[in-house]
Full PDB file with SEQRES, HELIX, SHEET, SSBOND, CRYST1, ORIGX, SCALE, CONECT and MASTER records, all heavy atoms in Angstrom:
SEQRES   1 A   36  GLY THR ILE VAL ASP LEU TYR GLY VAL GLU ASN TRP LEU          
SEQRES   2 A   36  SER LEU LEU ARG ALA SER ASP PRO THR PRO TYR SER ILE          
SEQRES   3 A   36  ALA ALA PRO MET VAL ASN LEU SER ARG LEU                      
HELIX    1 AA1 LEU A    6  GLY A    8  5                                   3    
HELIX    2 AA2 TRP A   12  ARG A   17  1                                   6    
HELIX    3 AA3 THR A   22  ILE A   26  1                                   5    
SHEET    1 AA1 2 VAL A   4  ASP A   5  0                                        
SHEET    2 AA1 2 ALA A  28  PRO A  29 -1                                        
CRYST1    1.000    1.000    1.000  90.00  90.00  90.00 P 1           1          
ORIGX1      1.000000  0.000000  0.000000        0.00000                         
ORIGX2      0.000000  1.000000  0.000000        0.00000                         
ORIGX3      0.000000  0.000000  1.000000        0.00000                         
SCALE1      1.000000  0.000000  0.000000        0.00000                         
SCALE2      0.000000  1.000000  0.000000        0.00000                         
SCALE3      0.000000  0.000000  1.000000        0.00000                         
ATOM      1  N   GLY A   1      28.897 -61.413   7.024  1.00  0.00           N  
ATOM      2  CA  GLY A   1      28.393 -62.048   8.236  1.00  0.00           C  
ATOM      3  C   GLY A   1      27.357 -61.348   8.848  1.00  0.00           C  
ATOM      4  O   GLY A   1      26.632 -61.814   9.857  1.00  0.00           O  
ATOM      5  N   THR A   2      26.911 -60.179   8.349  1.00  0.00           N  
ATOM      6  CA  THR A   2      25.777 -59.298   8.844  1.00  0.00           C  
ATOM      7  C   THR A   2      24.782 -59.194   7.776  1.00  0.00           C  
ATOM      8  O   THR A   2      23.527 -59.647   8.126  1.00  0.00           O  
ATOM      9  CB  THR A   2      26.500 -57.976   9.368  1.00  0.00           C  
ATOM     10  OG1 THR A   2      27.451 -58.127  10.402  1.00  0.00           O  
ATOM     11  CG2 THR A   2      25.222 -57.075   9.820  1.00  0.00           C  
ATOM     12  N   ILE A   3      24.898 -58.712   6.701  1.00  0.00           N  
ATOM     13  CA  ILE A   3      23.915 -58.809   5.614  1.00  0.00           C  
ATOM     14  C   ILE A   3      24.357 -59.592   4.424  1.00  0.00           C  
ATOM     15  O   ILE A   3      23.515 -59.808   3.594  1.00  0.00           O  
ATOM     16  CB  ILE A   3      23.357 -57.378   5.273  1.00  0.00           C  
ATOM     17  CG1 ILE A   3      24.493 -56.522   4.668  1.00  0.00           C  
ATOM     18  CG2 ILE A   3      22.781 -56.644   6.471  1.00  0.00           C  
ATOM     19  CD1 ILE A   3      23.966 -55.060   4.040  1.00  0.00           C  
ATOM     20  N   VAL A   4      25.748 -59.832   4.382  1.00  0.00           N  
ATOM     21  CA  VAL A   4      26.284 -60.564   3.273  1.00  0.00           C  
ATOM     22  C   VAL A   4      26.704 -61.892   3.829  1.00  0.00           C  
ATOM     23  O   VAL A   4      27.542 -62.049   4.682  1.00  0.00           O  
ATOM     24  CB  VAL A   4      27.380 -59.855   2.569  1.00  0.00           C  
ATOM     25  CG1 VAL A   4      28.024 -60.620   1.512  1.00  0.00           C  
ATOM     26  CG2 VAL A   4      26.945 -58.498   2.171  1.00  0.00           C  
ATOM     27  N   ASP A   5      26.322 -63.052   3.224  1.00  0.00           N  
ATOM     28  CA  ASP A   5      26.586 -64.370   3.580  1.00  0.00           C  
ATOM     29  C   ASP A   5      28.035 -64.813   3.087  1.00  0.00           C  
ATOM     30  O   ASP A   5      28.070 -65.835   2.466  1.00  0.00           O  
ATOM     31  CB  ASP A   5      25.581 -65.458   3.424  1.00  0.00           C  
ATOM     32  CG  ASP A   5      25.836 -66.702   4.011  1.00  0.00           C  
ATOM     33  OD1 ASP A   5      26.512 -66.767   5.001  1.00  0.00           O  
ATOM     34  OD2 ASP A   5      25.082 -67.796   3.635  1.00  0.00           O  
ATOM     35  N   LEU A   6      29.088 -64.097   3.402  1.00  0.00           N  
ATOM     36  CA  LEU A   6      30.404 -64.466   2.857  1.00  0.00           C  
ATOM     37  C   LEU A   6      30.828 -65.802   3.179  1.00  0.00           C  
ATOM     38  O   LEU A   6      31.400 -66.563   2.602  1.00  0.00           O  
ATOM     39  CB  LEU A   6      31.418 -63.189   3.300  1.00  0.00           C  
ATOM     40  CG  LEU A   6      32.825 -63.710   3.097  1.00  0.00           C  
ATOM     41  CD1 LEU A   6      33.022 -63.579   1.498  1.00  0.00           C  
ATOM     42  CD2 LEU A   6      33.772 -62.772   3.887  1.00  0.00           C  
ATOM     43  N   TYR A   7      30.591 -66.047   4.528  1.00  0.00           N  
ATOM     44  CA  TYR A   7      30.915 -67.331   5.134  1.00  0.00           C  
ATOM     45  C   TYR A   7      30.193 -68.604   4.710  1.00  0.00           C  
ATOM     46  O   TYR A   7      30.499 -69.692   4.924  1.00  0.00           O  
ATOM     47  CB  TYR A   7      30.973 -67.325   6.615  1.00  0.00           C  
ATOM     48  CG  TYR A   7      31.582 -65.932   7.097  1.00  0.00           C  
ATOM     49  CD1 TYR A   7      30.948 -65.030   7.831  1.00  0.00           C  
ATOM     50  CD2 TYR A   7      33.000 -65.753   6.761  1.00  0.00           C  
ATOM     51  CE1 TYR A   7      31.527 -63.790   8.167  1.00  0.00           C  
ATOM     52  CE2 TYR A   7      33.581 -64.528   7.215  1.00  0.00           C  
ATOM     53  CZ  TYR A   7      32.828 -63.522   7.806  1.00  0.00           C  
ATOM     54  OH  TYR A   7      33.453 -62.428   8.275  1.00  0.00           O  
ATOM     55  N   GLY A   8      29.215 -68.345   3.847  1.00  0.00           N  
ATOM     56  CA  GLY A   8      28.392 -69.402   3.308  1.00  0.00           C  
ATOM     57  C   GLY A   8      28.815 -69.750   1.906  1.00  0.00           C  
ATOM     58  O   GLY A   8      28.398 -70.665   1.343  1.00  0.00           O  
ATOM     59  N   VAL A   9      29.813 -68.950   1.391  1.00  0.00           N  
ATOM     60  CA  VAL A   9      30.332 -69.213   0.051  1.00  0.00           C  
ATOM     61  C   VAL A   9      31.326 -70.530   0.209  1.00  0.00           C  
ATOM     62  O   VAL A   9      32.216 -70.487   1.124  1.00  0.00           O  
ATOM     63  CB  VAL A   9      31.098 -68.020  -0.514  1.00  0.00           C  
ATOM     64  CG1 VAL A   9      31.785 -68.436  -1.818  1.00  0.00           C  
ATOM     65  CG2 VAL A   9      30.239 -66.833  -0.752  1.00  0.00           C  
ATOM     66  N   GLU A  10      31.154 -71.456  -0.748  1.00  0.00           N  
ATOM     67  CA  GLU A  10      31.945 -72.605  -0.668  1.00  0.00           C  
ATOM     68  C   GLU A  10      33.418 -72.223  -0.886  1.00  0.00           C  
ATOM     69  O   GLU A  10      33.805 -71.555  -1.751  1.00  0.00           O  
ATOM     70  CB  GLU A  10      31.578 -73.719  -1.796  1.00  0.00           C  
ATOM     71  CG  GLU A  10      32.284 -74.981  -1.644  1.00  0.00           C  
ATOM     72  CD  GLU A  10      31.766 -76.018  -2.601  1.00  0.00           C  
ATOM     73  OE1 GLU A  10      30.544 -75.823  -3.210  1.00  0.00           O  
ATOM     74  OE2 GLU A  10      32.419 -76.892  -2.954  1.00  0.00           O  
ATOM     75  N   ASN A  11      34.314 -72.728   0.001  1.00  0.00           N  
ATOM     76  CA  ASN A  11      35.785 -72.527  -0.063  1.00  0.00           C  
ATOM     77  C   ASN A  11      36.103 -71.003   0.219  1.00  0.00           C  
ATOM     78  O   ASN A  11      37.196 -70.637  -0.525  1.00  0.00           O  
ATOM     79  CB  ASN A  11      36.265 -73.104  -1.393  1.00  0.00           C  
ATOM     80  CG  ASN A  11      36.194 -74.528  -1.515  1.00  0.00           C  
ATOM     81  OD1 ASN A  11      36.424 -75.271  -0.570  1.00  0.00           O  
ATOM     82  ND2 ASN A  11      35.791 -74.908  -2.596  1.00  0.00           N  
ATOM     83  N   TRP A  12      35.362 -70.229   0.760  1.00  0.00           N  
ATOM     84  CA  TRP A  12      35.455 -68.775   0.830  1.00  0.00           C  
ATOM     85  C   TRP A  12      37.016 -68.512   1.517  1.00  0.00           C  
ATOM     86  O   TRP A  12      37.654 -67.561   0.935  1.00  0.00           O  
ATOM     87  CB  TRP A  12      34.502 -68.186   1.721  1.00  0.00           C  
ATOM     88  CG  TRP A  12      34.491 -68.532   3.312  1.00  0.00           C  
ATOM     89  CD1 TRP A  12      33.810 -69.539   3.779  1.00  0.00           C  
ATOM     90  CD2 TRP A  12      35.178 -67.813   4.172  1.00  0.00           C  
ATOM     91  NE1 TRP A  12      34.126 -69.559   5.086  1.00  0.00           N  
ATOM     92  CE2 TRP A  12      35.001 -68.474   5.412  1.00  0.00           C  
ATOM     93  CE3 TRP A  12      36.020 -66.676   4.307  1.00  0.00           C  
ATOM     94  CZ2 TRP A  12      35.517 -68.124   6.589  1.00  0.00           C  
ATOM     95  CZ3 TRP A  12      36.518 -66.338   5.507  1.00  0.00           C  
ATOM     96  CH2 TRP A  12      36.284 -67.041   6.574  1.00  0.00           C  
ATOM     97  N   LEU A  13      37.351 -69.277   2.485  1.00  0.00           N  
ATOM     98  CA  LEU A  13      38.663 -68.891   3.119  1.00  0.00           C  
ATOM     99  C   LEU A  13      39.798 -69.233   2.157  1.00  0.00           C  
ATOM    100  O   LEU A  13      40.757 -68.325   2.020  1.00  0.00           O  
ATOM    101  CB  LEU A  13      38.681 -69.642   4.441  1.00  0.00           C  
ATOM    102  CG  LEU A  13      39.896 -69.238   5.352  1.00  0.00           C  
ATOM    103  CD1 LEU A  13      40.030 -67.832   5.560  1.00  0.00           C  
ATOM    104  CD2 LEU A  13      40.016 -69.970   6.608  1.00  0.00           C  
ATOM    105  N   SER A  14      39.823 -70.287   1.550  1.00  0.00           N  
ATOM    106  CA  SER A  14      40.826 -70.628   0.667  1.00  0.00           C  
ATOM    107  C   SER A  14      40.965 -69.607  -0.513  1.00  0.00           C  
ATOM    108  O   SER A  14      42.008 -69.340  -1.003  1.00  0.00           O  
ATOM    109  CB  SER A  14      40.858 -72.158   0.188  1.00  0.00           C  
ATOM    110  OG  SER A  14      39.658 -72.311  -0.520  1.00  0.00           O  
ATOM    111  N   LEU A  15      39.735 -69.274  -0.945  1.00  0.00           N  
ATOM    112  CA  LEU A  15      39.749 -68.312  -2.034  1.00  0.00           C  
ATOM    113  C   LEU A  15      40.290 -66.896  -1.638  1.00  0.00           C  
ATOM    114  O   LEU A  15      41.095 -66.287  -2.377  1.00  0.00           O  
ATOM    115  CB  LEU A  15      38.347 -68.109  -2.532  1.00  0.00           C  
ATOM    116  CG  LEU A  15      37.666 -69.319  -3.336  1.00  0.00           C  
ATOM    117  CD1 LEU A  15      36.188 -69.169  -3.503  1.00  0.00           C  
ATOM    118  CD2 LEU A  15      38.467 -69.401  -4.771  1.00  0.00           C  
ATOM    119  N   LEU A  16      39.972 -66.487  -0.467  1.00  0.00           N  
ATOM    120  CA  LEU A  16      40.557 -65.167   0.111  1.00  0.00           C  
ATOM    121  C   LEU A  16      42.042 -65.320   0.261  1.00  0.00           C  
ATOM    122  O   LEU A  16      42.765 -64.331   0.023  1.00  0.00           O  
ATOM    123  CB  LEU A  16      39.781 -64.833   1.381  1.00  0.00           C  
ATOM    124  CG  LEU A  16      38.274 -64.485   1.304  1.00  0.00           C  
ATOM    125  CD1 LEU A  16      37.835 -63.995   2.647  1.00  0.00           C  
ATOM    126  CD2 LEU A  16      37.882 -63.660   0.116  1.00  0.00           C  
ATOM    127  N   ARG A  17      42.387 -66.473   0.732  1.00  0.00           N  
ATOM    128  CA  ARG A  17      43.847 -66.535   1.112  1.00  0.00           C  
ATOM    129  C   ARG A  17      44.654 -66.621  -0.255  1.00  0.00           C  
ATOM    130  O   ARG A  17      45.842 -66.335  -0.308  1.00  0.00           O  
ATOM    131  CB  ARG A  17      44.198 -67.832   1.838  1.00  0.00           C  
ATOM    132  CG  ARG A  17      43.707 -67.732   3.394  1.00  0.00           C  
ATOM    133  CD  ARG A  17      44.071 -69.020   4.140  1.00  0.00           C  
ATOM    134  NE  ARG A  17      43.869 -68.760   5.491  1.00  0.00           N  
ATOM    135  CZ  ARG A  17      43.590 -69.654   6.400  1.00  0.00           C  
ATOM    136  NH1 ARG A  17      43.693 -70.941   6.076  1.00  0.00           N  
ATOM    137  NH2 ARG A  17      43.321 -69.373   7.625  1.00  0.00           N  
ATOM    138  N   ALA A  18      43.973 -66.961  -1.375  1.00  0.00           N  
ATOM    139  CA  ALA A  18      44.631 -66.937  -2.710  1.00  0.00           C  
ATOM    140  C   ALA A  18      44.501 -65.679  -3.402  1.00  0.00           C  
ATOM    141  O   ALA A  18      44.671 -65.595  -4.553  1.00  0.00           O  
ATOM    142  CB  ALA A  18      43.981 -68.105  -3.565  1.00  0.00           C  
ATOM    143  N   SER A  19      44.020 -64.694  -2.610  1.00  0.00           N  
ATOM    144  CA  SER A  19      43.713 -63.297  -3.226  1.00  0.00           C  
ATOM    145  C   SER A  19      42.719 -63.342  -4.308  1.00  0.00           C  
ATOM    146  O   SER A  19      42.836 -62.470  -5.152  1.00  0.00           O  
ATOM    147  CB  SER A  19      45.022 -62.624  -3.677  1.00  0.00           C  
ATOM    148  OG  SER A  19      45.839 -62.480  -2.527  1.00  0.00           O  
ATOM    149  N   ASP A  20      41.656 -64.133  -4.043  1.00  0.00           N  
ATOM    150  CA  ASP A  20      40.637 -64.179  -5.136  1.00  0.00           C  
ATOM    151  C   ASP A  20      39.351 -63.493  -4.435  1.00  0.00           C  
ATOM    152  O   ASP A  20      38.882 -63.952  -3.436  1.00  0.00           O  
ATOM    153  CB  ASP A  20      40.293 -65.661  -5.343  1.00  0.00           C  
ATOM    154  CG  ASP A  20      39.060 -65.740  -6.527  1.00  0.00           C  
ATOM    155  OD1 ASP A  20      38.370 -64.848  -6.612  1.00  0.00           O  
ATOM    156  OD2 ASP A  20      39.060 -66.855  -7.006  1.00  0.00           O  
ATOM    157  N   PRO A  21      38.860 -62.419  -5.110  1.00  0.00           N  
ATOM    158  CA  PRO A  21      37.758 -61.668  -4.402  1.00  0.00           C  
ATOM    159  C   PRO A  21      36.442 -62.142  -4.773  1.00  0.00           C  
ATOM    160  O   PRO A  21      35.430 -61.517  -4.307  1.00  0.00           O  
ATOM    161  CB  PRO A  21      37.945 -60.124  -5.010  1.00  0.00           C  
ATOM    162  CG  PRO A  21      38.579 -60.443  -6.379  1.00  0.00           C  
ATOM    163  CD  PRO A  21      39.503 -61.616  -6.214  1.00  0.00           C  
ATOM    164  N   THR A  22      36.355 -63.291  -5.441  1.00  0.00           N  
ATOM    165  CA  THR A  22      35.060 -63.853  -5.874  1.00  0.00           C  
ATOM    166  C   THR A  22      34.067 -64.036  -4.831  1.00  0.00           C  
ATOM    167  O   THR A  22      32.915 -63.633  -5.071  1.00  0.00           O  
ATOM    168  CB  THR A  22      35.358 -65.223  -6.668  1.00  0.00           C  
ATOM    169  OG1 THR A  22      36.143 -64.900  -7.777  1.00  0.00           O  
ATOM    170  CG2 THR A  22      33.994 -65.865  -7.105  1.00  0.00           C  
ATOM    171  N   PRO A  23      34.413 -64.529  -3.576  1.00  0.00           N  
ATOM    172  CA  PRO A  23      33.446 -64.697  -2.552  1.00  0.00           C  
ATOM    173  C   PRO A  23      32.712 -63.439  -2.174  1.00  0.00           C  
ATOM    174  O   PRO A  23      31.478 -63.480  -1.879  1.00  0.00           O  
ATOM    175  CB  PRO A  23      34.296 -65.246  -1.343  1.00  0.00           C  
ATOM    176  CG  PRO A  23      35.325 -65.880  -1.973  1.00  0.00           C  
ATOM    177  CD  PRO A  23      35.696 -65.032  -3.230  1.00  0.00           C  
ATOM    178  N   TYR A  24      33.475 -62.231  -2.316  1.00  0.00           N  
ATOM    179  CA  TYR A  24      32.792 -61.033  -1.989  1.00  0.00           C  
ATOM    180  C   TYR A  24      31.643 -60.649  -3.071  1.00  0.00           C  
ATOM    181  O   TYR A  24      30.693 -59.987  -2.895  1.00  0.00           O  
ATOM    182  CB  TYR A  24      33.665 -59.821  -1.901  1.00  0.00           C  
ATOM    183  CG  TYR A  24      34.653 -59.938  -0.675  1.00  0.00           C  
ATOM    184  CD1 TYR A  24      36.040 -60.439  -0.935  1.00  0.00           C  
ATOM    185  CD2 TYR A  24      34.272 -59.834   0.530  1.00  0.00           C  
ATOM    186  CE1 TYR A  24      36.993 -60.523   0.215  1.00  0.00           C  
ATOM    187  CE2 TYR A  24      35.118 -59.889   1.552  1.00  0.00           C  
ATOM    188  CZ  TYR A  24      36.458 -60.282   1.492  1.00  0.00           C  
ATOM    189  OH  TYR A  24      37.340 -60.504   2.419  1.00  0.00           O  
ATOM    190  N   SER A  25      31.902 -61.121  -4.215  1.00  0.00           N  
ATOM    191  CA  SER A  25      30.975 -60.941  -5.274  1.00  0.00           C  
ATOM    192  C   SER A  25      29.676 -61.663  -5.405  1.00  0.00           C  
ATOM    193  O   SER A  25      28.584 -61.310  -5.714  1.00  0.00           O  
ATOM    194  CB  SER A  25      31.662 -60.953  -6.753  1.00  0.00           C  
ATOM    195  OG  SER A  25      32.662 -60.068  -6.709  1.00  0.00           O  
ATOM    196  N   ILE A  26      29.946 -63.054  -5.029  1.00  0.00           N  
ATOM    197  CA  ILE A  26      28.921 -64.133  -5.250  1.00  0.00           C  
ATOM    198  C   ILE A  26      28.073 -64.418  -3.936  1.00  0.00           C  
ATOM    199  O   ILE A  26      27.178 -65.172  -4.026  1.00  0.00           O  
ATOM    200  CB  ILE A  26      29.538 -65.350  -5.807  1.00  0.00           C  
ATOM    201  CG1 ILE A  26      30.522 -65.943  -4.900  1.00  0.00           C  
ATOM    202  CG2 ILE A  26      30.178 -65.105  -7.211  1.00  0.00           C  
ATOM    203  CD1 ILE A  26      30.871 -67.530  -5.410  1.00  0.00           C  
ATOM    204  N   ALA A  27      28.588 -63.860  -2.866  1.00  0.00           N  
ATOM    205  CA  ALA A  27      27.920 -64.116  -1.610  1.00  0.00           C  
ATOM    206  C   ALA A  27      26.382 -63.820  -1.731  1.00  0.00           C  
ATOM    207  O   ALA A  27      26.011 -62.816  -2.220  1.00  0.00           O  
ATOM    208  CB  ALA A  27      28.554 -63.476  -0.440  1.00  0.00           C  
ATOM    209  N   ALA A  28      25.677 -64.762  -1.076  1.00  0.00           N  
ATOM    210  CA  ALA A  28      24.249 -64.364  -1.031  1.00  0.00           C  
ATOM    211  C   ALA A  28      23.843 -63.525   0.115  1.00  0.00           C  
ATOM    212  O   ALA A  28      24.555 -63.317   1.000  1.00  0.00           O  
ATOM    213  CB  ALA A  28      23.420 -65.801  -0.734  1.00  0.00           C  
ATOM    214  N   PRO A  29      22.680 -62.695   0.020  1.00  0.00           N  
ATOM    215  CA  PRO A  29      22.178 -61.898   1.169  1.00  0.00           C  
ATOM    216  C   PRO A  29      21.873 -62.852   2.447  1.00  0.00           C  
ATOM    217  O   PRO A  29      21.385 -63.922   2.227  1.00  0.00           O  
ATOM    218  CB  PRO A  29      20.971 -61.356   0.576  1.00  0.00           C  
ATOM    219  CG  PRO A  29      20.913 -61.529  -0.914  1.00  0.00           C  
ATOM    220  CD  PRO A  29      21.768 -62.799  -1.128  1.00  0.00           C  
ATOM    221  N   MET A  30      22.004 -62.315   3.466  1.00  0.00           N  
ATOM    222  CA  MET A  30      21.559 -62.849   4.709  1.00  0.00           C  
ATOM    223  C   MET A  30      20.221 -62.350   5.193  1.00  0.00           C  
ATOM    224  O   MET A  30      19.723 -63.043   6.162  1.00  0.00           O  
ATOM    225  CB  MET A  30      22.626 -62.661   5.911  1.00  0.00           C  
ATOM    226  CG  MET A  30      23.965 -63.268   5.520  1.00  0.00           C  
ATOM    227  SD  MET A  30      25.194 -63.188   6.846  1.00  0.00           S  
ATOM    228  CE  MET A  30      24.457 -64.465   7.996  1.00  0.00           C  
ATOM    229  N   VAL A  31      19.770 -61.454   4.713  1.00  0.00           N  
ATOM    230  CA  VAL A  31      18.475 -60.856   5.110  1.00  0.00           C  
ATOM    231  C   VAL A  31      17.619 -60.568   3.825  1.00  0.00           C  
ATOM    232  O   VAL A  31      18.063 -60.596   2.751  1.00  0.00           O  
ATOM    233  CB  VAL A  31      18.624 -59.363   5.875  1.00  0.00           C  
ATOM    234  CG1 VAL A  31      19.455 -59.725   7.136  1.00  0.00           C  
ATOM    235  CG2 VAL A  31      19.392 -58.403   5.074  1.00  0.00           C  
ATOM    236  N   ASN A  32      16.308 -60.252   4.125  1.00  0.00           N  
ATOM    237  CA  ASN A  32      15.327 -59.840   3.005  1.00  0.00           C  
ATOM    238  C   ASN A  32      15.794 -58.566   2.553  1.00  0.00           C  
ATOM    239  O   ASN A  32      15.518 -57.532   3.348  1.00  0.00           O  
ATOM    240  CB  ASN A  32      13.927 -59.988   3.571  1.00  0.00           C  
ATOM    241  CG  ASN A  32      12.991 -59.559   2.478  1.00  0.00           C  
ATOM    242  OD1 ASN A  32      13.079 -58.648   1.636  1.00  0.00           O  
ATOM    243  ND2 ASN A  32      11.813 -60.446   2.367  1.00  0.00           N  
ATOM    244  N   LEU A  33      16.334 -58.358   1.386  1.00  0.00           N  
ATOM    245  CA  LEU A  33      16.969 -57.122   1.027  1.00  0.00           C  
ATOM    246  C   LEU A  33      15.772 -56.075   0.636  1.00  0.00           C  
ATOM    247  O   LEU A  33      16.018 -54.873   0.865  1.00  0.00           O  
ATOM    248  CB  LEU A  33      17.895 -57.318  -0.154  1.00  0.00           C  
ATOM    249  CG  LEU A  33      19.171 -58.036   0.277  1.00  0.00           C  
ATOM    250  CD1 LEU A  33      19.963 -58.373  -1.050  1.00  0.00           C  
ATOM    251  CD2 LEU A  33      19.848 -57.378   1.275  1.00  0.00           C  
ATOM    252  N   SER A  34      14.711 -56.587   0.119  1.00  0.00           N  
ATOM    253  CA  SER A  34      13.569 -55.608  -0.316  1.00  0.00           C  
ATOM    254  C   SER A  34      13.150 -54.983   1.028  1.00  0.00           C  
ATOM    255  O   SER A  34      12.885 -53.736   1.132  1.00  0.00           O  
ATOM    256  CB  SER A  34      12.669 -56.191  -1.121  1.00  0.00           C  
ATOM    257  OG  SER A  34      11.950 -57.281  -0.420  1.00  0.00           O  
ATOM    258  N   ARG A  35      13.033 -55.845   2.079  1.00  0.00           N  
ATOM    259  CA  ARG A  35      12.527 -55.325   3.420  1.00  0.00           C  
ATOM    260  C   ARG A  35      13.467 -54.308   4.019  1.00  0.00           C  
ATOM    261  O   ARG A  35      13.135 -53.340   4.427  1.00  0.00           O  
ATOM    262  CB  ARG A  35      12.250 -56.443   4.252  1.00  0.00           C  
ATOM    263  CG  ARG A  35      11.540 -56.077   5.596  1.00  0.00           C  
ATOM    264  CD  ARG A  35      11.240 -57.359   6.444  1.00  0.00           C  
ATOM    265  NE  ARG A  35      10.768 -56.951   7.723  1.00  0.00           N  
ATOM    266  CZ  ARG A  35      10.918 -57.665   8.865  1.00  0.00           C  
ATOM    267  NH1 ARG A  35      11.393 -58.871   8.768  1.00  0.00           N  
ATOM    268  NH2 ARG A  35      10.170 -57.212   9.906  1.00  0.00           N  
ATOM    269  N   LEU A  36      14.745 -54.673   3.984  1.00  0.00           N  
ATOM    270  CA  LEU A  36      15.833 -53.829   4.430  1.00  0.00           C  
ATOM    271  C   LEU A  36      15.906 -52.633   3.671  1.00  0.00           C  
ATOM    272  O   LEU A  36      15.980 -51.481   4.316  1.00  0.00           O  
ATOM    273  CB  LEU A  36      17.126 -54.651   4.249  1.00  0.00           C  
ATOM    274  CG  LEU A  36      18.305 -53.773   4.738  1.00  0.00           C  
ATOM    275  CD1 LEU A  36      18.230 -53.543   6.282  1.00  0.00           C  
ATOM    276  CD2 LEU A  36      19.635 -54.552   4.477  1.00  0.00           C  
TER     277      LEU A  36                                                      
MASTER        0    0    0    3    2    0    0    6  276    1    0    3          
END                                                                             
């Protein structure tokens, strides 16, 4: 929610509740990473 768009991953909450770490891997950046 700060530099990683975890909450923008489709079905992120249900995946986390199912102990699936995929959202943490596939989340998009929330900021321009080269600038950061």
